[in-house]
Amino acid sequence: MKIVLHDYWRSSAAYRVRICLNLKGVRHDSVPVNLVAGEQAAPANRALNPQGLVPTLVVDGRPLVQSLAIVDWLDANFDDPPMVSKDPFVRAGQLARALVIAADVHPIDNLRVLKRLESQFGADQPAKDSWYRHWVAEGLAALEQMAGDGPFLGGDSPDISDICLVPQLYNARRFEMDLTPYPRLCAAEAANLALPAVQAAAPERVKPA
């Protein structure tokens, strides 16, 4: 099976998939797609990903898009360690925590939204930073209450919500957010970052030379 990840080193969604691939020990190649340079809109990328986004995971020539859908495919084909539980209530909790970030925070804070705020509404950098911090803080405040007893976000091992948490906190620090109000989230992040598989997915570790 040939697996290729079309990736941008600082994309939160791509970062999630890298973590999942590494935790499961799935061998894959990577193709960089430079979002800042606009390569995501090029015909070659749109042929794989109709939204013109990353990540795209190409499996034996078949493209898979949307990070959580990719994680679901990986879970179905590489079941160790599982990203979601077979217990319906546990699974629902894991997905709910993941979707706080993947559905409610990240989509309104990503690069194309921030660019639109500037082009359509004239938002300057401080205004865009304020927008970003507001929505991240709202999501993290809820997620702090939803966190389990640890050491990871949902319990004894990383799950789908952990692989969403780590990239989100990475980006929160890029925007100089104060994370002290979220001790449970920071503790879960630390547990994840202690894992070599998660360390290897870090943006600085995969940034093209």
C-alpha atoms as a PDB file:
ATOM      1  CA  MET A   1       0.000   0.000   0.000  1.00  0.00           C
ATOM      2  CA  LYS A   2       1.486   3.339  -1.054  1.00  0.00           C
ATOM      3  CA  ILE A   3       0.421   6.231   1.148  1.00  0.00           C
ATOM      4  CA  VAL A   4       1.284   9.855   0.399  1.00  0.00           C
ATOM      5  CA  LEU A   5       0.353  12.827   2.590  1.00  0.00           C
ATOM      6  CA  HIS A   6      -0.080  16.169   0.832  1.00  0.00           C
ATOM      7  CA  ASP A   7       0.836  18.433   3.668  1.00  0.00           C
ATOM      8  CA  TYR A   8       1.708  21.942   4.837  1.00  0.00           C
ATOM      9  CA  TRP A   9       4.015  22.029   7.827  1.00  0.00           C
ATOM     10  CA  ARG A  10       2.009  24.634   9.763  1.00  0.00           C
ATOM     11  CA  SER A  11      -1.496  23.435   8.855  1.00  0.00           C
ATOM     12  CA  SER A  12      -3.398  22.368  11.961  1.00  0.00           C
ATOM     13  CA  ALA A  13      -5.456  19.861   9.997  1.00  0.00           C
ATOM     14  CA  ALA A  14      -2.372  18.315   8.422  1.00  0.00           C
ATOM     15  CA  TYR A  15      -0.654  18.257  11.820  1.00  0.00           C
ATOM     16  CA  ARG A  16      -3.558  16.125  13.141  1.00  0.00           C
ATOM     17  CA  VAL A  17      -3.073  13.588  10.385  1.00  0.00           C
ATOM     18  CA  ARG A  18       0.701  13.477  10.901  1.00  0.00           C
ATOM     19  CA  ILE A  19       0.166  12.697  14.586  1.00  0.00           C
ATOM     20  CA  CYS A  20      -2.276   9.921  13.743  1.00  0.00           C
ATOM     21  CA  LEU A  21       0.002   8.402  11.111  1.00  0.00           C
ATOM     22  CA  ASN A  22       2.933   8.452  13.523  1.00  0.00           C
ATOM     23  CA  LEU A  23       1.003   7.019  16.474  1.00  0.00           C
ATOM     24  CA  LYS A  24      -0.124   4.142  14.291  1.00  0.00           C
ATOM     25  CA  GLY A  25       3.316   3.692  12.745  1.00  0.00           C
ATOM     26  CA  VAL A  26       2.015   4.043   9.210  1.00  0.00           C
ATOM     27  CA  ARG A  27       4.804   4.471   6.685  1.00  0.00           C
ATOM     28  CA  HIS A  28       4.109   7.229   4.201  1.00  0.00           C
ATOM     29  CA  ASP A  29       5.674   9.773   1.911  1.00  0.00           C
ATOM     30  CA  SER A  30       4.990  13.501   2.080  1.00  0.00           C
ATOM     31  CA  VAL A  31       4.385  16.107  -0.605  1.00  0.00           C
ATOM     32  CA  PRO A  32       4.575  19.716   0.638  1.00  0.00           C
ATOM     33  CA  VAL A  33       1.859  22.174  -0.410  1.00  0.00           C
ATOM     34  CA  ASN A  34       2.826  25.753   0.445  1.00  0.00           C
ATOM     35  CA  LEU A  35      -0.331  27.504   1.664  1.00  0.00           C
ATOM     36  CA  VAL A  36       1.354  30.886   1.988  1.00  0.00           C
ATOM     37  CA  ALA A  37       2.445  30.737  -1.650  1.00  0.00           C
ATOM     38  CA  GLY A  38      -1.062  29.689  -2.711  1.00  0.00           C
ATOM     39  CA  GLU A  39      -0.096  26.241  -3.982  1.00  0.00           C
ATOM     40  CA  GLN A  40      -3.301  24.802  -2.516  1.00  0.00           C
ATOM     41  CA  ALA A  41      -5.274  26.532  -5.287  1.00  0.00           C
ATOM     42  CA  ALA A  42      -3.124  25.096  -8.090  1.00  0.00           C
ATOM     43  CA  PRO A  43      -4.831  22.663 -10.489  1.00  0.00           C
ATOM     44  CA  ALA A  44      -2.635  19.779  -9.323  1.00  0.00           C
ATOM     45  CA  ASN A  45      -3.831  20.138  -5.730  1.00  0.00           C
ATOM     46  CA  ARG A  46      -7.464  20.787  -6.667  1.00  0.00           C
ATOM     47  CA  ALA A  47      -7.445  17.621  -8.751  1.00  0.00           C
ATOM     48  CA  LEU A  48      -6.883  15.728  -5.504  1.00  0.00           C
ATOM     49  CA  ASN A  49      -8.707  18.022  -3.092  1.00  0.00           C
ATOM     50  CA  PRO A  50     -11.674  19.845  -4.679  1.00  0.00           C
ATOM     51  CA  GLN A  51     -11.715  22.403  -1.851  1.00  0.00           C
ATOM     52  CA  GLY A  52      -8.144  23.396  -2.603  1.00  0.00           C
ATOM     53  CA  LEU A  53      -7.025  22.587   0.927  1.00  0.00           C
ATOM     54  CA  VAL A  54      -4.705  20.289   2.842  1.00  0.00           C
ATOM     55  CA  PRO A  55      -4.345  17.622   4.000  1.00  0.00           C
ATOM     56  CA  THR A  56      -4.981  15.038   1.322  1.00  0.00           C
ATOM     57  CA  LEU A  57      -3.983  11.446   1.951  1.00  0.00           C
ATOM     58  CA  VAL A  58      -3.516   9.521  -1.287  1.00  0.00           C
ATOM     59  CA  VAL A  59      -3.759   5.764  -0.842  1.00  0.00           C
ATOM     60  CA  ASP A  60      -2.759   3.723  -3.883  1.00  0.00           C
ATOM     61  CA  GLY A  61      -3.775   6.666  -6.033  1.00  0.00           C
ATOM     62  CA  ARG A  62      -7.120   7.269  -4.269  1.00  0.00           C
ATOM     63  CA  PRO A  63      -7.354  10.656  -2.504  1.00  0.00           C
ATOM     64  CA  LEU A  64      -8.896  11.078   0.926  1.00  0.00           C
ATOM     65  CA  VAL A  65      -9.697  14.571   2.218  1.00  0.00           C
ATOM     66  CA  GLN A  66     -10.785  16.252   5.470  1.00  0.00           C
ATOM     67  CA  SER A  67      -8.563  15.475   8.444  1.00  0.00           C
ATOM     68  CA  LEU A  68     -11.115  13.701  10.624  1.00  0.00           C
ATOM     69  CA  ALA A  69     -12.344  11.622   7.685  1.00  0.00           C
ATOM     70  CA  ILE A  70      -8.727  10.646   7.044  1.00  0.00           C
ATOM     71  CA  VAL A  71      -8.310   9.698  10.709  1.00  0.00           C
ATOM     72  CA  ASP A  72     -11.470   7.601  10.456  1.00  0.00           C
ATOM     73  CA  TRP A  73     -10.030   5.768   7.444  1.00  0.00           C
ATOM     74  CA  LEU A  74      -6.752   5.214   9.253  1.00  0.00           C
ATOM     75  CA  ASP A  75      -8.607   3.851  12.264  1.00  0.00           C
ATOM     76  CA  ALA A  76     -10.504   1.417  10.066  1.00  0.00           C
ATOM     77  CA  ASN A  77      -7.320   0.123   8.454  1.00  0.00           C
ATOM     78  CA  PHE A  78      -4.715   0.463  11.219  1.00  0.00           C
ATOM     79  CA  ASP A  79      -6.503  -0.199  14.475  1.00  0.00           C
ATOM     80  CA  ASP A  80      -3.620   0.145  16.937  1.00  0.00           C
ATOM     81  CA  PRO A  81      -3.836   2.445  18.773  1.00  0.00           C
ATOM     82  CA  PRO A  82      -7.506   3.290  18.222  1.00  0.00           C
ATOM     83  CA  MET A  83      -8.452   6.934  17.895  1.00  0.00           C
ATOM     84  CA  VAL A  84     -12.083   6.313  18.842  1.00  0.00           C
ATOM     85  CA  SER A  85     -13.597   3.775  21.191  1.00  0.00           C
ATOM     86  CA  LYS A  86     -16.024   1.032  20.233  1.00  0.00           C
ATOM     87  CA  ASP A  87     -18.119   2.027  23.252  1.00  0.00           C
ATOM     88  CA  PRO A  88     -20.785   4.371  21.832  1.00  0.00           C
ATOM     89  CA  PHE A  89     -20.806   6.744  24.823  1.00  0.00           C
ATOM     90  CA  VAL A  90     -17.023   6.976  25.025  1.00  0.00           C
ATOM     91  CA  ARG A  91     -16.824   7.446  21.263  1.00  0.00           C
ATOM     92  CA  ALA A  92     -19.395  10.247  21.384  1.00  0.00           C
ATOM     93  CA  GLY A  93     -17.369  12.044  24.044  1.00  0.00           C
ATOM     94  CA  GLN A  94     -14.160  11.688  22.065  1.00  0.00           C
ATOM     95  CA  LEU A  95     -15.780  13.045  18.915  1.00  0.00           C
ATOM     96  CA  ALA A  96     -17.458  15.887  20.794  1.00  0.00           C
ATOM     97  CA  ARG A  97     -14.116  17.060  22.185  1.00  0.00           C
ATOM     98  CA  ALA A  98     -12.474  16.776  18.787  1.00  0.00           C
ATOM     99  CA  LEU A  99     -15.255  18.711  17.084  1.00  0.00           C
ATOM    100  CA  VAL A 100     -15.006  21.616  19.522  1.00  0.00           C
ATOM    101  CA  ILE A 101     -11.711  22.315  17.777  1.00  0.00           C
ATOM    102  CA  ALA A 102     -12.165  20.825  14.321  1.00  0.00           C
ATOM    103  CA  ALA A 103     -15.692  22.145  13.698  1.00  0.00           C
ATOM    104  CA  ASP A 104     -16.166  25.186  15.941  1.00  0.00           C
ATOM    105  CA  VAL A 105     -12.745  26.828  16.413  1.00  0.00           C
ATOM    106  CA  HIS A 106     -10.396  25.984  13.573  1.00  0.00           C
ATOM    107  CA  PRO A 107     -12.710  26.692  10.592  1.00  0.00           C
ATOM    108  CA  ILE A 108     -13.295  30.330  11.575  1.00  0.00           C
ATOM    109  CA  ASP A 109      -9.667  30.964  12.483  1.00  0.00           C
ATOM    110  CA  ASN A 110      -7.812  29.468   9.544  1.00  0.00           C
ATOM    111  CA  LEU A 111      -5.744  31.291   6.949  1.00  0.00           C
ATOM    112  CA  ARG A 112      -8.454  31.829   4.359  1.00  0.00           C
ATOM    113  CA  VAL A 113     -10.868  33.307   6.926  1.00  0.00           C
ATOM    114  CA  LEU A 114      -8.222  35.670   8.296  1.00  0.00           C
ATOM    115  CA  LYS A 115      -7.397  36.783   4.753  1.00  0.00           C
ATOM    116  CA  ARG A 116     -11.093  37.395   4.074  1.00  0.00           C
ATOM    117  CA  LEU A 117     -11.405  39.528   7.183  1.00  0.00           C
ATOM    118  CA  GLU A 118      -8.636  41.684   5.767  1.00  0.00           C
ATOM    119  CA  SER A 119      -9.794  41.859   2.146  1.00  0.00           C
ATOM    120  CA  GLN A 120     -13.526  42.320   2.762  1.00  0.00           C
ATOM    121  CA  PHE A 121     -13.632  44.189   6.053  1.00  0.00           C
ATOM    122  CA  GLY A 122     -10.237  45.888   6.196  1.00  0.00           C
ATOM    123  CA  ALA A 123      -9.120  44.109   9.350  1.00  0.00           C
ATOM    124  CA  ASP A 124      -5.517  44.899  10.235  1.00  0.00           C
ATOM    125  CA  GLN A 125      -3.184  42.455  11.946  1.00  0.00           C
ATOM    126  CA  PRO A 126      -4.190  43.395  15.525  1.00  0.00           C
ATOM    127  CA  ALA A 127      -7.856  42.987  14.602  1.00  0.00           C
ATOM    128  CA  LYS A 128      -7.214  39.584  13.036  1.00  0.00           C
ATOM    129  CA  ASP A 129      -5.202  38.516  16.075  1.00  0.00           C
ATOM    130  CA  SER A 130      -8.046  39.611  18.373  1.00  0.00           C
ATOM    131  CA  TRP A 131     -10.566  37.653  16.288  1.00  0.00           C
ATOM    132  CA  TYR A 132      -8.365  34.576  16.443  1.00  0.00           C
ATOM    133  CA  ARG A 133      -7.811  34.731  20.193  1.00  0.00           C
ATOM    134  CA  HIS A 134     -11.504  35.288  20.935  1.00  0.00           C
ATOM    135  CA  TRP A 135     -12.698  32.123  19.220  1.00  0.00           C
ATOM    136  CA  VAL A 136      -9.829  29.995  20.470  1.00  0.00           C
ATOM    137  CA  ALA A 137     -10.493  31.136  24.045  1.00  0.00           C
ATOM    138  CA  GLU A 138     -14.186  30.271  23.730  1.00  0.00           C
ATOM    139  CA  GLY A 139     -13.390  26.782  22.486  1.00  0.00           C
ATOM    140  CA  LEU A 140     -10.638  26.081  24.988  1.00  0.00           C
ATOM    141  CA  ALA A 141     -12.804  27.225  27.911  1.00  0.00           C
ATOM    142  CA  ALA A 142     -15.444  24.663  26.947  1.00  0.00           C
ATOM    143  CA  LEU A 143     -12.874  21.964  26.265  1.00  0.00           C
ATOM    144  CA  GLU A 144     -11.260  22.521  29.663  1.00  0.00           C
ATOM    145  CA  GLN A 145     -14.574  21.542  31.251  1.00  0.00           C
ATOM    146  CA  MET A 146     -14.954  18.545  28.918  1.00  0.00           C
ATOM    147  CA  ALA A 147     -11.483  17.140  29.617  1.00  0.00           C
ATOM    148  CA  GLY A 148     -11.208  13.808  31.384  1.00  0.00           C
ATOM    149  CA  ASP A 149      -9.092  12.918  34.382  1.00  0.00           C
ATOM    150  CA  GLY A 150      -5.963  12.452  32.307  1.00  0.00           C
ATOM    151  CA  PRO A 151      -3.222  12.018  31.661  1.00  0.00           C
ATOM    152  CA  PHE A 152      -4.542  12.508  28.116  1.00  0.00           C
ATOM    153  CA  LEU A 153      -7.564  14.549  27.121  1.00  0.00           C
ATOM    154  CA  GLY A 154      -9.905  11.576  27.334  1.00  0.00           C
ATOM    155  CA  GLY A 155      -8.099   9.179  29.625  1.00  0.00           C
ATOM    156  CA  ASP A 156      -5.173   6.782  29.609  1.00  0.00           C
ATOM    157  CA  SER A 157      -4.186   7.033  25.933  1.00  0.00           C
ATOM    158  CA  PRO A 158      -4.360   9.590  23.105  1.00  0.00           C
ATOM    159  CA  ASP A 159      -7.554   9.678  21.120  1.00  0.00           C
ATOM    160  CA  ILE A 160      -8.984  11.723  18.266  1.00  0.00           C
ATOM    161  CA  SER A 161      -9.485  14.722  20.542  1.00  0.00           C
ATOM    162  CA  ASP A 162      -5.824  14.728  21.572  1.00  0.00           C
ATOM    163  CA  ILE A 163      -4.669  14.895  17.963  1.00  0.00           C
ATOM    164  CA  CYS A 164      -6.859  17.984  17.552  1.00  0.00           C
ATOM    165  CA  LEU A 165      -5.736  19.551  20.832  1.00  0.00           C
ATOM    166  CA  VAL A 166      -1.992  19.498  20.205  1.00  0.00           C
ATOM    167  CA  PRO A 167      -2.071  21.545  16.964  1.00  0.00           C
ATOM    168  CA  GLN A 168      -4.595  23.989  18.421  1.00  0.00           C
ATOM    169  CA  LEU A 169      -2.437  24.767  21.448  1.00  0.00           C
ATOM    170  CA  TYR A 170       0.605  25.057  19.192  1.00  0.00           C
ATOM    171  CA  ASN A 171      -1.219  27.749  17.226  1.00  0.00           C
ATOM    172  CA  ALA A 172      -2.526  29.434  20.357  1.00  0.00           C
ATOM    173  CA  ARG A 173       1.074  29.945  21.464  1.00  0.00           C
ATOM    174  CA  ARG A 174       1.948  31.375  18.046  1.00  0.00           C
ATOM    175  CA  PHE A 175      -0.673  34.033  18.731  1.00  0.00           C
ATOM    176  CA  GLU A 176       0.766  34.607  22.221  1.00  0.00           C
ATOM    177  CA  MET A 177      -2.316  33.429  24.068  1.00  0.00           C
ATOM    178  CA  ASP A 178      -2.252  32.958  27.813  1.00  0.00           C
ATOM    179  CA  LEU A 179      -2.943  29.271  28.414  1.00  0.00           C
ATOM    180  CA  THR A 180      -2.859  29.348  32.211  1.00  0.00           C
ATOM    181  CA  PRO A 181      -6.701  29.229  32.414  1.00  0.00           C
ATOM    182  CA  TYR A 182      -6.563  25.745  30.871  1.00  0.00           C
ATOM    183  CA  PRO A 183      -4.456  23.545  33.189  1.00  0.00           C
ATOM    184  CA  ARG A 184      -6.148  20.286  32.194  1.00  0.00           C
ATOM    185  CA  LEU A 185      -5.612  20.982  28.521  1.00  0.00           C
ATOM    186  CA  CYS A 186      -1.981  21.884  29.093  1.00  0.00           C
ATOM    187  CA  ALA A 187      -1.467  18.704  31.125  1.00  0.00           C
ATOM    188  CA  ALA A 188      -2.982  16.619  28.327  1.00  0.00           C
ATOM    189  CA  GLU A 189      -0.791  18.418  25.819  1.00  0.00           C
ATOM    190  CA  ALA A 190       2.302  17.638  27.898  1.00  0.00           C
ATOM    191  CA  ALA A 191       1.349  13.953  28.027  1.00  0.00           C
ATOM    192  CA  ASN A 192       1.012  13.918  24.246  1.00  0.00           C
ATOM    193  CA  LEU A 193       4.234  15.810  23.617  1.00  0.00           C
ATOM    194  CA  ALA A 194       6.131  13.271  25.724  1.00  0.00           C
ATOM    195  CA  LEU A 195       5.435  10.677  23.012  1.00  0.00           C
ATOM    196  CA  PRO A 196       8.115  10.360  20.294  1.00  0.00           C
ATOM    197  CA  ALA A 197       5.417   9.836  17.646  1.00  0.00           C
ATOM    198  CA  VAL A 198       3.820  13.164  18.514  1.00  0.00           C
ATOM    199  CA  GLN A 199       7.173  14.916  18.736  1.00  0.00           C
ATOM    200  CA  ALA A 200       8.033  13.739  15.226  1.00  0.00           C
ATOM    201  CA  ALA A 201       4.859  15.355  13.838  1.00  0.00           C
ATOM    202  CA  ALA A 202       5.741  18.832  15.129  1.00  0.00           C
ATOM    203  CA  PRO A 203       5.778  21.587  12.484  1.00  0.00           C
ATOM    204  CA  GLU A 204       9.433  22.407  13.049  1.00  0.00           C
ATOM    205  CA  ARG A 205      10.349  18.747  12.528  1.00  0.00           C
ATOM    206  CA  VAL A 206       8.643  18.546   9.116  1.00  0.00           C
ATOM    207  CA  LYS A 207       9.231  22.067   7.796  1.00  0.00           C
ATOM    208  CA  PRO A 208      10.825  21.898   4.314  1.00  0.00           C
ATOM    209  CA  ALA A 209      14.433  23.046   4.254  1.00  0.00           C
END
